Amino acid sequence: MLVQEERTVIDRLFTGSRCKNVRPLAHPGGAIDRHTYGTIRYGMENLGRDLVMVDWDTGKASMVFPSDIELLAPAVEAAVGA
């Protein structure tokens, strides 16, 4: 029997981009309120689902679905505008 190994690919296209959540999010350290700002660390695909790792300005970090966040400005545009 052949078992295929599944690879996880980390997507850094939006690394450093600012975002905010569009709905309250559950977190083991307490809920992350709606409209909390954060910085995208990376994106990935897992079991056929797209996920985004976000470092929130509150000090928490969590994996969220892309539909849970709103992209504010891509990192390249933010760096150029600074």
PDB file of N, CA and C in Angstrom:
ATOM      1  N   MET A   1       0.842  -1.183   0.000  1.00  0.00           N
ATOM      2  CA  MET A   1       0.000   0.000   0.000  1.00  0.00           C
ATOM      3  C   MET A   1       0.885   1.243   0.000  1.00  0.00           C
ATOM      4  N   LEU A   2       0.610   2.138  -0.908  1.00  0.00           N
ATOM      5  CA  LEU A   2       1.352   3.392  -1.005  1.00  0.00           C
ATOM      6  C   LEU A   2       0.624   4.486  -0.246  1.00  0.00           C
ATOM      7  N   VAL A   3       1.346   5.210   0.561  1.00  0.00           N
ATOM      8  CA  VAL A   3       0.776   6.340   1.290  1.00  0.00           C
ATOM      9  C   VAL A   3       1.441   7.600   0.769  1.00  0.00           C
ATOM     10  N   GLN A   4       0.627   8.534   0.286  1.00  0.00           N
ATOM     11  CA  GLN A   4       1.183   9.791  -0.211  1.00  0.00           C
ATOM     12  C   GLN A   4       1.386  10.751   0.948  1.00  0.00           C
ATOM     13  N   GLU A   5       2.526  11.378   0.933  1.00  0.00           N
ATOM     14  CA  GLU A   5       2.834  12.376   1.954  1.00  0.00           C
ATOM     15  C   GLU A   5       2.287  13.718   1.495  1.00  0.00           C
ATOM     16  N   GLU A   6       1.529  14.374   2.366  1.00  0.00           N
ATOM     17  CA  GLU A   6       0.979  15.686   2.026  1.00  0.00           C
ATOM     18  C   GLU A   6       1.936  16.763   2.502  1.00  0.00           C
ATOM     19  N   ARG A   7       2.199  17.722   1.644  1.00  0.00           N
ATOM     20  CA  ARG A   7       3.108  18.816   1.990  1.00  0.00           C
ATOM     21  C   ARG A   7       2.313  20.066   2.323  1.00  0.00           C
ATOM     22  N   THR A   8       2.808  20.814   3.269  1.00  0.00           N
ATOM     23  CA  THR A   8       2.213  22.091   3.623  1.00  0.00           C
ATOM     24  C   THR A   8       3.058  23.191   2.991  1.00  0.00           C
ATOM     25  N   VAL A   9       2.411  24.095   2.283  1.00  0.00           N
ATOM     26  CA  VAL A   9       3.115  25.198   1.634  1.00  0.00           C
ATOM     27  C   VAL A   9       2.769  26.489   2.365  1.00  0.00           C
ATOM     28  N   ILE A  10       3.788  27.202   2.786  1.00  0.00           N
ATOM     29  CA  ILE A  10       3.603  28.487   3.453  1.00  0.00           C
ATOM     30  C   ILE A  10       3.619  29.581   2.384  1.00  0.00           C
ATOM     31  N   ASP A  11       2.588  30.408   2.389  1.00  0.00           N
ATOM     32  CA  ASP A  11       2.452  31.505   1.425  1.00  0.00           C
ATOM     33  C   ASP A  11       2.804  32.812   2.130  1.00  0.00           C
ATOM     34  N   ARG A  12       3.866  33.466   1.687  1.00  0.00           N
ATOM     35  CA  ARG A  12       4.306  34.714   2.317  1.00  0.00           C
ATOM     36  C   ARG A  12       3.985  35.946   1.468  1.00  0.00           C
ATOM     37  N   LEU A  13       3.067  35.800   0.511  1.00  0.00           N
ATOM     38  CA  LEU A  13       2.692  36.903  -0.368  1.00  0.00           C
ATOM     39  C   LEU A  13       2.187  38.113   0.418  1.00  0.00           C
ATOM     40  N   PHE A  14       1.409  37.878   1.469  1.00  0.00           N
ATOM     41  CA  PHE A  14       0.829  38.981   2.238  1.00  0.00           C
ATOM     42  C   PHE A  14       1.522  39.201   3.583  1.00  0.00           C
ATOM     43  N   THR A  15       2.683  38.585   3.798  1.00  0.00           N
ATOM     44  CA  THR A  15       3.419  38.766   5.044  1.00  0.00           C
ATOM     45  C   THR A  15       3.687  40.248   5.287  1.00  0.00           C
ATOM     46  N   GLY A  16       3.368  40.718   6.478  1.00  0.00           N
ATOM     47  CA  GLY A  16       3.581  42.118   6.835  1.00  0.00           C
ATOM     48  C   GLY A  16       2.408  43.021   6.527  1.00  0.00           C
ATOM     49  N   SER A  17       1.418  42.513   5.806  1.00  0.00           N
ATOM     50  CA  SER A  17       0.238  43.326   5.478  1.00  0.00           C
ATOM     51  C   SER A  17      -0.627  43.513   6.714  1.00  0.00           C
ATOM     52  N   ARG A  18      -1.239  44.669   6.806  1.00  0.00           N
ATOM     53  CA  ARG A  18      -2.125  44.965   7.926  1.00  0.00           C
ATOM     54  C   ARG A  18      -3.535  44.496   7.595  1.00  0.00           C
ATOM     55  N   CYS A  19      -4.252  44.072   8.626  1.00  0.00           N
ATOM     56  CA  CYS A  19      -5.624  43.607   8.441  1.00  0.00           C
ATOM     57  C   CYS A  19      -6.412  43.897   9.712  1.00  0.00           C
ATOM     58  N   LYS A  20      -7.714  43.672   9.635  1.00  0.00           N
ATOM     59  CA  LYS A  20      -8.560  43.721  10.826  1.00  0.00           C
ATOM     60  C   LYS A  20      -9.601  42.629  10.680  1.00  0.00           C
ATOM     61  N   ASN A  21     -10.082  42.123  11.807  1.00  0.00           N
ATOM     62  CA  ASN A  21     -11.089  41.066  11.730  1.00  0.00           C
ATOM     63  C   ASN A  21     -12.471  41.683  11.566  1.00  0.00           C
ATOM     64  N   VAL A  22     -13.315  40.983  10.824  1.00  0.00           N
ATOM     65  CA  VAL A  22     -14.649  41.495  10.509  1.00  0.00           C
ATOM     66  C   VAL A  22     -15.725  40.901  11.416  1.00  0.00           C
ATOM     67  N   ARG A  23     -15.328  40.000  12.307  1.00  0.00           N
ATOM     68  CA  ARG A  23     -16.258  39.395  13.273  1.00  0.00           C
ATOM     69  C   ARG A  23     -15.458  38.986  14.505  1.00  0.00           C
ATOM     70  N   PRO A  24     -16.106  38.859  15.647  1.00  0.00           N
ATOM     71  CA  PRO A  24     -15.385  38.380  16.837  1.00  0.00           C
ATOM     72  C   PRO A  24     -14.818  36.981  16.580  1.00  0.00           C
ATOM     73  N   LEU A  25     -13.634  36.712  17.111  1.00  0.00           N
ATOM     74  CA  LEU A  25     -12.970  35.427  16.908  1.00  0.00           C
ATOM     75  C   LEU A  25     -12.698  34.757  18.245  1.00  0.00           C
ATOM     76  N   ALA A  26     -12.925  33.458  18.296  1.00  0.00           N
ATOM     77  CA  ALA A  26     -12.622  32.694  19.510  1.00  0.00           C
ATOM     78  C   ALA A  26     -11.109  32.518  19.615  1.00  0.00           C
ATOM     79  N   HIS A  27     -10.593  32.599  20.838  1.00  0.00           N
ATOM     80  CA  HIS A  27      -9.169  32.414  21.105  1.00  0.00           C
ATOM     81  C   HIS A  27      -9.048  31.819  22.499  1.00  0.00           C
ATOM     82  N   PRO A  28      -8.117  30.886  22.722  1.00  0.00           N
ATOM     83  CA  PRO A  28      -7.982  30.280  24.057  1.00  0.00           C
ATOM     84  C   PRO A  28      -7.735  31.294  25.176  1.00  0.00           C
ATOM     85  N   GLY A  29      -7.121  32.429  24.850  1.00  0.00           N
ATOM     86  CA  GLY A  29      -6.842  33.455  25.847  1.00  0.00           C
ATOM     87  C   GLY A  29      -7.943  34.491  25.976  1.00  0.00           C
ATOM     88  N   GLY A  30      -9.090  34.245  25.371  1.00  0.00           N
ATOM     89  CA  GLY A  30     -10.207  35.196  25.382  1.00  0.00           C
ATOM     90  C   GLY A  30     -10.517  35.649  23.969  1.00  0.00           C
ATOM     91  N   ALA A  31     -11.741  36.041  23.755  1.00  0.00           N
ATOM     92  CA  ALA A  31     -12.198  36.427  22.413  1.00  0.00           C
ATOM     93  C   ALA A  31     -11.395  37.606  21.862  1.00  0.00           C
ATOM     94  N   ILE A  32     -11.248  37.623  20.556  1.00  0.00           N
ATOM     95  CA  ILE A  32     -10.628  38.751  19.858  1.00  0.00           C
ATOM     96  C   ILE A  32     -11.781  39.558  19.284  1.00  0.00           C
ATOM     97  N   ASP A  33     -11.971  40.762  19.800  1.00  0.00           N
ATOM     98  CA  ASP A  33     -13.109  41.591  19.419  1.00  0.00           C
ATOM     99  C   ASP A  33     -13.071  41.981  17.944  1.00  0.00           C
ATOM    100  N   ARG A  34     -14.253  42.253  17.411  1.00  0.00           N
ATOM    101  CA  ARG A  34     -14.391  42.712  16.029  1.00  0.00           C
ATOM    102  C   ARG A  34     -13.612  44.020  15.842  1.00  0.00           C
ATOM    103  N   HIS A  35     -13.059  44.218  14.679  1.00  0.00           N
ATOM    104  CA  HIS A  35     -12.272  45.401  14.298  1.00  0.00           C
ATOM    105  C   HIS A  35     -10.957  45.510  15.071  1.00  0.00           C
ATOM    106  N   THR A  36     -10.408  44.381  15.505  1.00  0.00           N
ATOM    107  CA  THR A  36      -9.075  44.367  16.094  1.00  0.00           C
ATOM    108  C   THR A  36      -8.067  44.318  14.949  1.00  0.00           C
ATOM    109  N   TYR A  37      -7.051  45.144  15.015  1.00  0.00           N
ATOM    110  CA  TYR A  37      -6.050  45.215  13.951  1.00  0.00           C
ATOM    111  C   TYR A  37      -4.927  44.215  14.200  1.00  0.00           C
ATOM    112  N   GLY A  38      -4.301  43.784  13.106  1.00  0.00           N
ATOM    113  CA  GLY A  38      -3.208  42.833  13.218  1.00  0.00           C
ATOM    114  C   GLY A  38      -2.326  42.865  11.985  1.00  0.00           C
ATOM    115  N   THR A  39      -1.277  42.049  12.026  1.00  0.00           N
ATOM    116  CA  THR A  39      -0.324  41.930  10.931  1.00  0.00           C
ATOM    117  C   THR A  39      -0.270  40.474  10.491  1.00  0.00           C
ATOM    118  N   ILE A  40      -0.382  40.251   9.195  1.00  0.00           N
ATOM    119  CA  ILE A  40      -0.353  38.891   8.667  1.00  0.00           C
ATOM    120  C   ILE A  40       1.071  38.348   8.729  1.00  0.00           C
ATOM    121  N   ARG A  41       1.218  37.165   9.320  1.00  0.00           N
ATOM    122  CA  ARG A  41       2.516  36.497   9.379  1.00  0.00           C
ATOM    123  C   ARG A  41       2.723  35.620   8.141  1.00  0.00           C
ATOM    124  N   TYR A  42       1.714  34.811   7.799  1.00  0.00           N
ATOM    125  CA  TYR A  42       1.778  33.975   6.597  1.00  0.00           C
ATOM    126  C   TYR A  42       0.415  33.370   6.312  1.00  0.00           C
ATOM    127  N   GLY A  43       0.266  32.814   5.134  1.00  0.00           N
ATOM    128  CA  GLY A  43      -0.931  32.076   4.756  1.00  0.00           C
ATOM    129  C   GLY A  43      -0.546  30.645   4.447  1.00  0.00           C
ATOM    130  N   MET A  44      -1.507  29.735   4.533  1.00  0.00           N
ATOM    131  CA  MET A  44      -1.229  28.339   4.223  1.00  0.00           C
ATOM    132  C   MET A  44      -2.505  27.615   3.839  1.00  0.00           C
ATOM    133  N   GLU A  45      -2.345  26.459   3.244  1.00  0.00           N
ATOM    134  CA  GLU A  45      -3.473  25.602   2.896  1.00  0.00           C
ATOM    135  C   GLU A  45      -3.348  24.350   3.743  1.00  0.00           C
ATOM    136  N   ASN A  46      -4.440  23.951   4.386  1.00  0.00           N
ATOM    137  CA  ASN A  46      -4.439  22.767   5.236  1.00  0.00           C
ATOM    138  C   ASN A  46      -5.750  22.026   5.038  1.00  0.00           C
ATOM    139  N   LEU A  47      -5.664  20.764   4.627  1.00  0.00           N
ATOM    140  CA  LEU A  47      -6.851  19.933   4.407  1.00  0.00           C
ATOM    141  C   LEU A  47      -7.840  20.593   3.449  1.00  0.00           C
ATOM    142  N   GLY A  48      -7.300  21.261   2.432  1.00  0.00           N
ATOM    143  CA  GLY A  48      -8.148  21.894   1.432  1.00  0.00           C
ATOM    144  C   GLY A  48      -8.725  23.234   1.836  1.00  0.00           C
ATOM    145  N   ARG A  49      -8.297  23.761   2.992  1.00  0.00           N
ATOM    146  CA  ARG A  49      -8.792  25.061   3.463  1.00  0.00           C
ATOM    147  C   ARG A  49      -7.646  26.058   3.490  1.00  0.00           C
ATOM    148  N   ASP A  50      -7.929  27.289   3.083  1.00  0.00           N
ATOM    149  CA  ASP A  50      -6.944  28.367   3.198  1.00  0.00           C
ATOM    150  C   ASP A  50      -7.029  28.935   4.601  1.00  0.00           C
ATOM    151  N   LEU A  51      -5.864  29.159   5.221  1.00  0.00           N
ATOM    152  CA  LEU A  51      -5.780  29.740   6.559  1.00  0.00           C
ATOM    153  C   LEU A  51      -4.743  30.854   6.551  1.00  0.00           C
ATOM    154  N   VAL A  52      -4.914  31.816   7.451  1.00  0.00           N
ATOM    155  CA  VAL A  52      -3.993  32.943   7.572  1.00  0.00           C
ATOM    156  C   VAL A  52      -3.587  33.069   9.036  1.00  0.00           C
ATOM    157  N   MET A  53      -2.272  33.136   9.297  1.00  0.00           N
ATOM    158  CA  MET A  53      -1.771  33.353  10.654  1.00  0.00           C
ATOM    159  C   MET A  53      -1.620  34.852  10.850  1.00  0.00           C
ATOM    160  N   VAL A  54      -2.287  35.374  11.882  1.00  0.00           N
ATOM    161  CA  VAL A  54      -2.280  36.815  12.144  1.00  0.00           C
ATOM    162  C   VAL A  54      -1.740  37.078  13.545  1.00  0.00           C
ATOM    163  N   ASP A  55      -0.826  38.029  13.663  1.00  0.00           N
ATOM    164  CA  ASP A  55      -0.353  38.531  14.954  1.00  0.00           C
ATOM    165  C   ASP A  55      -1.182  39.763  15.265  1.00  0.00           C
ATOM    166  N   TRP A  56      -2.083  39.653  16.242  1.00  0.00           N
ATOM    167  CA  TRP A  56      -2.989  40.752  16.584  1.00  0.00           C
ATOM    168  C   TRP A  56      -2.275  41.798  17.425  1.00  0.00           C
ATOM    169  N   ASP A  57      -2.693  43.048  17.311  1.00  0.00           N
ATOM    170  CA  ASP A  57      -2.092  44.143  18.074  1.00  0.00           C
ATOM    171  C   ASP A  57      -2.299  43.974  19.577  1.00  0.00           C
ATOM    172  N   THR A  58      -3.206  43.097  19.978  1.00  0.00           N
ATOM    173  CA  THR A  58      -3.462  42.840  21.401  1.00  0.00           C
ATOM    174  C   THR A  58      -2.428  41.894  22.002  1.00  0.00           C
ATOM    175  N   GLY A  59      -1.523  41.367  21.171  1.00  0.00           N
ATOM    176  CA  GLY A  59      -0.508  40.438  21.648  1.00  0.00           C
ATOM    177  C   GLY A  59      -0.850  38.981  21.394  1.00  0.00           C
ATOM    178  N   LYS A  60      -2.054  38.718  20.950  1.00  0.00           N
ATOM    179  CA  LYS A  60      -2.463  37.352  20.638  1.00  0.00           C
ATOM    180  C   LYS A  60      -2.107  37.042  19.187  1.00  0.00           C
ATOM    181  N   ALA A  61      -2.070  35.757  18.860  1.00  0.00           N
ATOM    182  CA  ALA A  61      -1.860  35.309  17.479  1.00  0.00           C
ATOM    183  C   ALA A  61      -2.828  34.166  17.227  1.00  0.00           C
ATOM    184  N   SER A  62      -3.382  34.108  16.024  1.00  0.00           N
ATOM    185  CA  SER A  62      -4.323  33.030  15.717  1.00  0.00           C
ATOM    186  C   SER A  62      -4.385  32.758  14.227  1.00  0.00           C
ATOM    187  N   MET A  63      -4.821  31.531  13.919  1.00  0.00           N
ATOM    188  CA  MET A  63      -5.086  31.135  12.541  1.00  0.00           C
ATOM    189  C   MET A  63      -6.540  31.464  12.259  1.00  0.00           C
ATOM    190  N   VAL A  64      -6.792  32.139  11.139  1.00  0.00           N
ATOM    191  CA  VAL A  64      -8.162  32.515  10.777  1.00  0.00           C
ATOM    192  C   VAL A  64      -8.400  32.184   9.306  1.00  0.00           C
ATOM    193  N   PHE A  65      -9.664  32.125   8.933  1.00  0.00           N
ATOM    194  CA  PHE A  65     -10.015  31.968   7.529  1.00  0.00           C
ATOM    195  C   PHE A  65      -9.904  33.334   6.850  1.00  0.00           C
ATOM    196  N   PRO A  66      -9.550  33.384   5.569  1.00  0.00           N
ATOM    197  CA  PRO A  66      -9.465  34.669   4.866  1.00  0.00           C
ATOM    198  C   PRO A  66     -10.756  35.485   4.953  1.00  0.00           C
ATOM    199  N   SER A  67     -11.906  34.826   5.047  1.00  0.00           N
ATOM    200  CA  SER A  67     -13.182  35.545   5.145  1.00  0.00           C
ATOM    201  C   SER A  67     -13.374  36.202   6.511  1.00  0.00           C
ATOM    202  N   ASP A  68     -12.515  35.878   7.492  1.00  0.00           N
ATOM    203  CA  ASP A  68     -12.609  36.473   8.828  1.00  0.00           C
ATOM    204  C   ASP A  68     -11.892  37.811   8.932  1.00  0.00           C
ATOM    205  N   ILE A  69     -11.084  38.151   7.923  1.00  0.00           N
ATOM    206  CA  ILE A  69     -10.298  39.384   7.988  1.00  0.00           C
ATOM    207  C   ILE A  69     -10.519  40.245   6.753  1.00  0.00           C
ATOM    208  N   GLU A  70     -10.201  41.521   6.914  1.00  0.00           N
ATOM    209  CA  GLU A  70     -10.227  42.483   5.809  1.00  0.00           C
ATOM    210  C   GLU A  70      -8.810  43.013   5.653  1.00  0.00           C
ATOM    211  N   LEU A  71      -8.270  42.911   4.452  1.00  0.00           N
ATOM    212  CA  LEU A  71      -6.925  43.395   4.172  1.00  0.00           C
ATOM    213  C   LEU A  71      -6.961  44.914   4.089  1.00  0.00           C
ATOM    214  N   LEU A  72      -6.092  45.593   4.839  1.00  0.00           N
ATOM    215  CA  LEU A  72      -6.089  47.054   4.860  1.00  0.00           C
ATOM    216  C   LEU A  72      -5.156  47.633   3.810  1.00  0.00           C
ATOM    217  N   ALA A  73      -3.921  47.162   3.761  1.00  0.00           N
ATOM    218  CA  ALA A  73      -2.957  47.642   2.765  1.00  0.00           C
ATOM    219  C   ALA A  73      -1.887  46.579   2.611  1.00  0.00           C
ATOM    220  N   PRO A  74      -1.595  46.153   1.390  1.00  0.00           N
ATOM    221  CA  PRO A  74      -0.504  45.194   1.203  1.00  0.00           C
ATOM    222  C   PRO A  74       0.805  45.750   1.746  1.00  0.00           C
ATOM    223  N   ALA A  75       1.696  44.890   2.188  1.00  0.00           N
ATOM    224  CA  ALA A  75       2.965  45.303   2.798  1.00  0.00           C
ATOM    225  C   ALA A  75       3.785  46.173   1.861  1.00  0.00           C
ATOM    226  N   VAL A  76       3.790  45.880   0.567  1.00  0.00           N
ATOM    227  CA  VAL A  76       4.578  46.661  -0.394  1.00  0.00           C
ATOM    228  C   VAL A  76       4.064  48.091  -0.452  1.00  0.00           C
ATOM    229  N   GLU A  77       2.743  48.270  -0.531  1.00  0.00           N
ATOM    230  CA  GLU A  77       2.167  49.616  -0.569  1.00  0.00           C
ATOM    231  C   GLU A  77       2.420  50.347   0.740  1.00  0.00           C
ATOM    232  N   ALA A  78       2.318  49.634   1.863  1.00  0.00           N
ATOM    233  CA  ALA A  78       2.539  50.252   3.169  1.00  0.00           C
ATOM    234  C   ALA A  78       3.985  50.735   3.285  1.00  0.00           C
ATOM    235  N   ALA A  79       4.943  49.944   2.785  1.00  0.00           N
ATOM    236  CA  ALA A  79       6.352  50.319   2.855  1.00  0.00           C
ATOM    237  C   ALA A  79       6.648  51.517   1.962  1.00  0.00           C
ATOM    238  N   VAL A  80       6.024  51.584   0.802  1.00  0.00           N
ATOM    239  CA  VAL A  80       6.244  52.693  -0.128  1.00  0.00           C
ATOM    240  C   VAL A  80       5.656  53.981   0.429  1.00  0.00           C
ATOM    241  N   GLY A  81       4.504  53.873   1.099  1.00  0.00           N
ATOM    242  CA  GLY A  81       3.834  55.053   1.633  1.00  0.00           C
ATOM    243  C   GLY A  81       4.456  55.583   2.910  1.00  0.00           C
ATOM    244  N   ALA A  82       5.353  54.829   3.524  1.00  0.00           N
ATOM    245  CA  ALA A  82       5.941  55.243   4.807  1.00  0.00           C
ATOM    246  C   ALA A  82       7.031  56.260   4.623  1.00  0.00           C
TER     247      ALA A  82
END
